[in-house]
Amino acid sequence: MIISQNGNKVLGSASQQELEFPLKYVLKIIVDTKIADDKTVKEIEDLFAQLKINNNWLYTKPSNKNNFLSYSVEITLPDKNTMDNLYGGLKKIKAIKLAI
């Protein structure tokens, strides 16, 4: 599932397949560097903790013009409800532009 800051869900061909839980994958979070601050990562970490999502921060990569930062985080989702709550929570974090 791909979700943008405005809340639109964009479903690709992979989303047509039924997901099996627990689901382990790399979540990519893109934040706007003009909005993001030290609290942004803490907000994401707090959301993982609140939802009891196992996570491993892999790396951070700036865009070519440093307008955006991309965080790659390996996560394990126990069920669809947790996945829905995760994406719902990510939508509320102002600096996040996209979560895939």
N, C-alpha and C. Protein backbone atom coordinates (compact mmCIF):
# COMPACT_ATOMS: atom_id res chain seq x y z
N MET A 1 0.85 -1.17 0.00
CA MET A 1 0.00 0.00 0.00
C MET A 1 0.89 1.22 0.00
N ILE A 2 0.52 2.19 -0.80
CA ILE A 2 1.22 3.46 -0.83
C ILE A 2 0.23 4.51 -0.33
N ILE A 3 0.69 5.37 0.53
CA ILE A 3 -0.19 6.41 1.03
C ILE A 3 0.54 7.74 1.00
N SER A 4 -0.12 8.76 0.52
CA SER A 4 0.50 10.08 0.46
C SER A 4 -0.03 10.94 1.59
N GLN A 5 0.59 12.10 1.78
CA GLN A 5 0.23 12.99 2.88
C GLN A 5 -1.24 13.40 2.80
N ASN A 6 -1.78 13.52 1.58
CA ASN A 6 -3.17 13.96 1.48
C ASN A 6 -4.16 12.82 1.72
N GLY A 7 -3.63 11.63 2.03
CA GLY A 7 -4.50 10.52 2.41
C GLY A 7 -4.93 9.62 1.27
N ASN A 8 -4.49 9.90 0.06
CA ASN A 8 -4.86 9.05 -1.06
C ASN A 8 -4.12 7.73 -1.01
N LYS A 9 -4.86 6.67 -1.22
CA LYS A 9 -4.24 5.36 -1.29
C LYS A 9 -4.04 5.02 -2.76
N VAL A 10 -2.84 4.60 -3.11
CA VAL A 10 -2.54 4.21 -4.47
C VAL A 10 -2.20 2.73 -4.43
N LEU A 11 -3.03 1.95 -5.09
CA LEU A 11 -2.84 0.51 -5.04
C LEU A 11 -2.21 0.04 -6.33
N GLY A 12 -1.12 -0.68 -6.22
CA GLY A 12 -0.45 -1.24 -7.39
C GLY A 12 -0.84 -2.69 -7.58
N SER A 13 -0.26 -3.33 -8.57
CA SER A 13 -0.60 -4.71 -8.88
C SER A 13 -0.26 -5.64 -7.72
N ALA A 14 0.79 -5.33 -6.98
CA ALA A 14 1.16 -6.17 -5.85
C ALA A 14 0.07 -6.14 -4.79
N SER A 15 -0.68 -5.04 -4.69
CA SER A 15 -1.72 -4.93 -3.68
C SER A 15 -2.92 -5.79 -4.02
N GLN A 16 -3.00 -6.27 -5.25
CA GLN A 16 -4.10 -7.13 -5.64
C GLN A 16 -3.96 -8.51 -4.99
N GLN A 17 -2.77 -8.84 -4.56
CA GLN A 17 -2.52 -10.12 -3.91
C GLN A 17 -2.90 -10.03 -2.44
N GLU A 18 -3.35 -11.14 -1.91
CA GLU A 18 -3.68 -11.17 -0.49
C GLU A 18 -2.39 -11.19 0.33
N LEU A 19 -2.34 -10.38 1.35
CA LEU A 19 -1.16 -10.30 2.21
C LEU A 19 -1.24 -11.37 3.29
N GLU A 20 -0.09 -11.92 3.63
CA GLU A 20 -0.02 -12.90 4.70
C GLU A 20 0.72 -12.28 5.88
N PHE A 21 0.13 -12.41 7.07
CA PHE A 21 0.70 -11.84 8.28
C PHE A 21 1.21 -12.96 9.17
N PRO A 22 2.27 -12.72 9.95
CA PRO A 22 3.00 -11.45 10.04
C PRO A 22 3.72 -11.14 8.74
N LEU A 23 3.82 -9.84 8.45
CA LEU A 23 4.40 -9.33 7.21
C LEU A 23 5.66 -8.54 7.53
N LYS A 24 6.77 -8.95 6.94
CA LYS A 24 8.03 -8.26 7.16
C LYS A 24 8.44 -7.60 5.84
N TYR A 25 8.69 -6.30 5.88
CA TYR A 25 9.13 -5.59 4.68
C TYR A 25 9.84 -4.30 5.05
N VAL A 26 10.44 -3.67 4.05
CA VAL A 26 11.14 -2.40 4.27
C VAL A 26 10.18 -1.26 3.95
N LEU A 27 9.89 -0.47 4.95
CA LEU A 27 9.03 0.71 4.83
C LEU A 27 9.92 1.88 4.44
N LYS A 28 9.54 2.59 3.40
CA LYS A 28 10.28 3.79 3.00
C LYS A 28 9.41 4.99 3.34
N ILE A 29 9.99 5.91 4.10
CA ILE A 29 9.30 7.12 4.54
C ILE A 29 10.07 8.31 3.99
N ILE A 30 9.37 9.18 3.26
CA ILE A 30 10.00 10.36 2.68
C ILE A 30 9.46 11.59 3.40
N VAL A 31 10.39 12.40 3.93
CA VAL A 31 10.00 13.60 4.66
C VAL A 31 10.55 14.85 3.97
N ASP A 32 9.84 15.93 4.13
CA ASP A 32 10.23 17.23 3.60
C ASP A 32 11.21 17.87 4.58
N THR A 33 12.42 18.16 4.13
CA THR A 33 13.43 18.71 5.03
C THR A 33 13.09 20.12 5.50
N LYS A 34 12.21 20.81 4.80
CA LYS A 34 11.81 22.15 5.24
C LYS A 34 10.89 22.08 6.46
N ILE A 35 10.23 20.95 6.63
CA ILE A 35 9.28 20.78 7.73
C ILE A 35 9.85 19.88 8.83
N ALA A 36 10.61 18.88 8.43
CA ALA A 36 11.11 17.88 9.38
C ALA A 36 12.09 18.50 10.37
N ASP A 37 12.06 17.96 11.57
CA ASP A 37 13.02 18.36 12.61
C ASP A 37 13.38 17.14 13.43
N ASP A 38 14.07 17.33 14.52
CA ASP A 38 14.49 16.21 15.36
C ASP A 38 13.30 15.42 15.90
N LYS A 39 12.16 16.08 16.03
CA LYS A 39 10.98 15.42 16.57
C LYS A 39 10.35 14.45 15.58
N THR A 40 10.62 14.61 14.30
CA THR A 40 9.98 13.77 13.28
C THR A 40 10.33 12.30 13.48
N VAL A 41 11.60 11.99 13.63
CA VAL A 41 12.02 10.61 13.85
C VAL A 41 11.43 10.08 15.15
N LYS A 42 11.41 10.92 16.19
CA LYS A 42 10.83 10.49 17.46
C LYS A 42 9.34 10.19 17.31
N GLU A 43 8.63 10.99 16.54
CA GLU A 43 7.20 10.73 16.30
C GLU A 43 7.01 9.37 15.62
N ILE A 44 7.86 9.07 14.65
CA ILE A 44 7.77 7.79 13.94
C ILE A 44 8.10 6.65 14.91
N GLU A 45 9.18 6.81 15.68
CA GLU A 45 9.56 5.78 16.65
C GLU A 45 8.46 5.57 17.70
N ASP A 46 7.85 6.67 18.14
CA ASP A 46 6.77 6.56 19.12
C ASP A 46 5.57 5.81 18.53
N LEU A 47 5.28 6.03 17.26
CA LEU A 47 4.19 5.33 16.60
C LEU A 47 4.49 3.83 16.54
N PHE A 48 5.72 3.48 16.17
CA PHE A 48 6.12 2.07 16.16
C PHE A 48 5.94 1.45 17.55
N ALA A 49 6.38 2.17 18.58
CA ALA A 49 6.27 1.67 19.96
C ALA A 49 4.81 1.51 20.38
N GLN A 50 4.00 2.52 20.08
CA GLN A 50 2.59 2.49 20.44
C GLN A 50 1.88 1.29 19.80
N LEU A 51 2.23 0.99 18.54
CA LEU A 51 1.59 -0.11 17.82
C LEU A 51 2.32 -1.44 18.02
N LYS A 52 3.41 -1.40 18.80
CA LYS A 52 4.23 -2.60 19.07
C LYS A 52 4.72 -3.24 17.77
N ILE A 53 5.27 -2.39 16.90
CA ILE A 53 5.81 -2.84 15.62
C ILE A 53 7.32 -3.00 15.76
N ASN A 54 7.80 -4.22 15.55
CA ASN A 54 9.24 -4.45 15.53
C ASN A 54 9.83 -3.68 14.35
N ASN A 55 10.94 -2.99 14.59
CA ASN A 55 11.53 -2.18 13.53
C ASN A 55 13.04 -2.13 13.65
N ASN A 56 13.67 -1.91 12.50
CA ASN A 56 15.11 -1.80 12.42
C ASN A 56 15.42 -0.70 11.39
N TRP A 57 15.91 0.43 11.86
CA TRP A 57 16.23 1.54 10.96
C TRP A 57 17.47 1.15 10.16
N LEU A 58 17.32 1.09 8.84
CA LEU A 58 18.40 0.64 7.98
C LEU A 58 19.30 1.78 7.54
N TYR A 59 18.71 2.81 6.94
CA TYR A 59 19.52 3.94 6.49
C TYR A 59 18.66 5.15 6.18
N THR A 60 19.33 6.29 6.08
CA THR A 60 18.73 7.56 5.71
C THR A 60 19.47 8.08 4.50
N LYS A 61 18.71 8.57 3.52
CA LYS A 61 19.34 9.06 2.30
C LYS A 61 18.70 10.39 1.90
N PRO A 62 19.52 11.44 1.72
CA PRO A 62 18.98 12.72 1.26
C PRO A 62 18.74 12.70 -0.25
N SER A 63 17.80 13.52 -0.70
CA SER A 63 17.58 13.66 -2.14
C SER A 63 18.73 14.48 -2.74
N ASN A 64 18.81 14.49 -4.05
CA ASN A 64 19.92 15.20 -4.73
C ASN A 64 20.01 16.67 -4.35
N LYS A 65 18.86 17.32 -4.19
CA LYS A 65 18.86 18.74 -3.86
C LYS A 65 18.62 18.98 -2.37
N ASN A 66 18.66 17.91 -1.60
CA ASN A 66 18.45 17.98 -0.14
C ASN A 66 17.10 18.55 0.27
N ASN A 67 16.10 18.42 -0.60
CA ASN A 67 14.76 18.87 -0.25
C ASN A 67 14.00 17.82 0.56
N PHE A 68 14.43 16.56 0.42
CA PHE A 68 13.75 15.46 1.08
C PHE A 68 14.76 14.51 1.70
N LEU A 69 14.32 13.79 2.71
CA LEU A 69 15.09 12.71 3.31
C LEU A 69 14.26 11.44 3.17
N SER A 70 14.92 10.36 2.85
CA SER A 70 14.26 9.08 2.74
C SER A 70 14.78 8.17 3.86
N TYR A 71 13.86 7.67 4.68
CA TYR A 71 14.21 6.73 5.73
C TYR A 71 13.76 5.34 5.29
N SER A 72 14.63 4.36 5.42
CA SER A 72 14.26 2.97 5.15
C SER A 72 14.29 2.22 6.48
N VAL A 73 13.15 1.61 6.80
CA VAL A 73 12.99 0.94 8.08
C VAL A 73 12.39 -0.45 7.83
N GLU A 74 13.10 -1.47 8.28
CA GLU A 74 12.55 -2.82 8.18
C GLU A 74 11.56 -3.00 9.33
N ILE A 75 10.33 -3.39 8.99
CA ILE A 75 9.29 -3.55 10.01
C ILE A 75 8.64 -4.92 9.88
N THR A 76 8.02 -5.36 10.96
CA THR A 76 7.22 -6.57 10.95
C THR A 76 5.83 -6.21 11.46
N LEU A 77 4.83 -6.41 10.61
CA LEU A 77 3.44 -6.12 10.97
C LEU A 77 2.73 -7.42 11.34
N PRO A 78 2.15 -7.48 12.52
CA PRO A 78 1.50 -8.72 12.96
C PRO A 78 0.15 -9.00 12.28
N ASP A 79 -0.55 -7.91 11.87
CA ASP A 79 -1.88 -8.10 11.28
C ASP A 79 -2.29 -6.86 10.48
N LYS A 80 -3.40 -6.99 9.73
CA LYS A 80 -3.86 -5.90 8.87
C LYS A 80 -4.30 -4.68 9.68
N ASN A 81 -4.90 -4.90 10.83
CA ASN A 81 -5.33 -3.79 11.67
C ASN A 81 -4.14 -2.92 12.07
N THR A 82 -3.03 -3.55 12.44
CA THR A 82 -1.82 -2.80 12.79
C THR A 82 -1.30 -2.04 11.58
N MET A 83 -1.35 -2.67 10.40
CA MET A 83 -0.90 -2.00 9.19
C MET A 83 -1.75 -0.75 8.92
N ASP A 84 -3.07 -0.88 9.03
CA ASP A 84 -3.97 0.25 8.82
C ASP A 84 -3.69 1.36 9.83
N ASN A 85 -3.47 0.99 11.09
CA ASN A 85 -3.19 1.98 12.12
C ASN A 85 -1.84 2.67 11.89
N LEU A 86 -0.86 1.91 11.38
CA LEU A 86 0.44 2.49 11.08
C LEU A 86 0.31 3.56 10.01
N TYR A 87 -0.31 3.23 8.89
CA TYR A 87 -0.44 4.21 7.81
C TYR A 87 -1.32 5.38 8.23
N GLY A 88 -2.34 5.13 9.05
CA GLY A 88 -3.16 6.22 9.58
C GLY A 88 -2.34 7.15 10.46
N GLY A 89 -1.48 6.57 11.29
CA GLY A 89 -0.62 7.38 12.16
C GLY A 89 0.43 8.15 11.38
N LEU A 90 0.99 7.53 10.34
CA LEU A 90 1.99 8.22 9.52
C LEU A 90 1.39 9.42 8.80
N LYS A 91 0.12 9.31 8.40
CA LYS A 91 -0.56 10.43 7.73
C LYS A 91 -0.63 11.66 8.62
N LYS A 92 -0.64 11.47 9.93
CA LYS A 92 -0.79 12.57 10.87
C LYS A 92 0.53 13.30 11.15
N ILE A 93 1.63 12.73 10.72
CA ILE A 93 2.94 13.37 10.95
C ILE A 93 3.19 14.35 9.81
N LYS A 94 3.20 15.62 10.13
CA LYS A 94 3.20 16.70 9.14
C LYS A 94 4.34 16.63 8.14
N ALA A 95 5.52 16.28 8.56
CA ALA A 95 6.70 16.32 7.69
C ALA A 95 6.71 15.18 6.66
N ILE A 96 5.93 14.13 6.89
CA ILE A 96 5.94 12.98 5.99
C ILE A 96 5.17 13.32 4.72
N LYS A 97 5.85 13.15 3.59
CA LYS A 97 5.23 13.38 2.30
C LYS A 97 4.73 12.10 1.67
N LEU A 98 5.40 10.98 1.97
CA LEU A 98 5.04 9.71 1.35
C LEU A 98 5.55 8.57 2.21
N ALA A 99 4.74 7.52 2.32
CA ALA A 99 5.18 6.29 2.99
C ALA A 99 4.78 5.13 2.11
N ILE A 100 5.76 4.32 1.78
CA ILE A 100 5.52 3.17 0.88
C ILE A 100 5.90 1.91 1.62
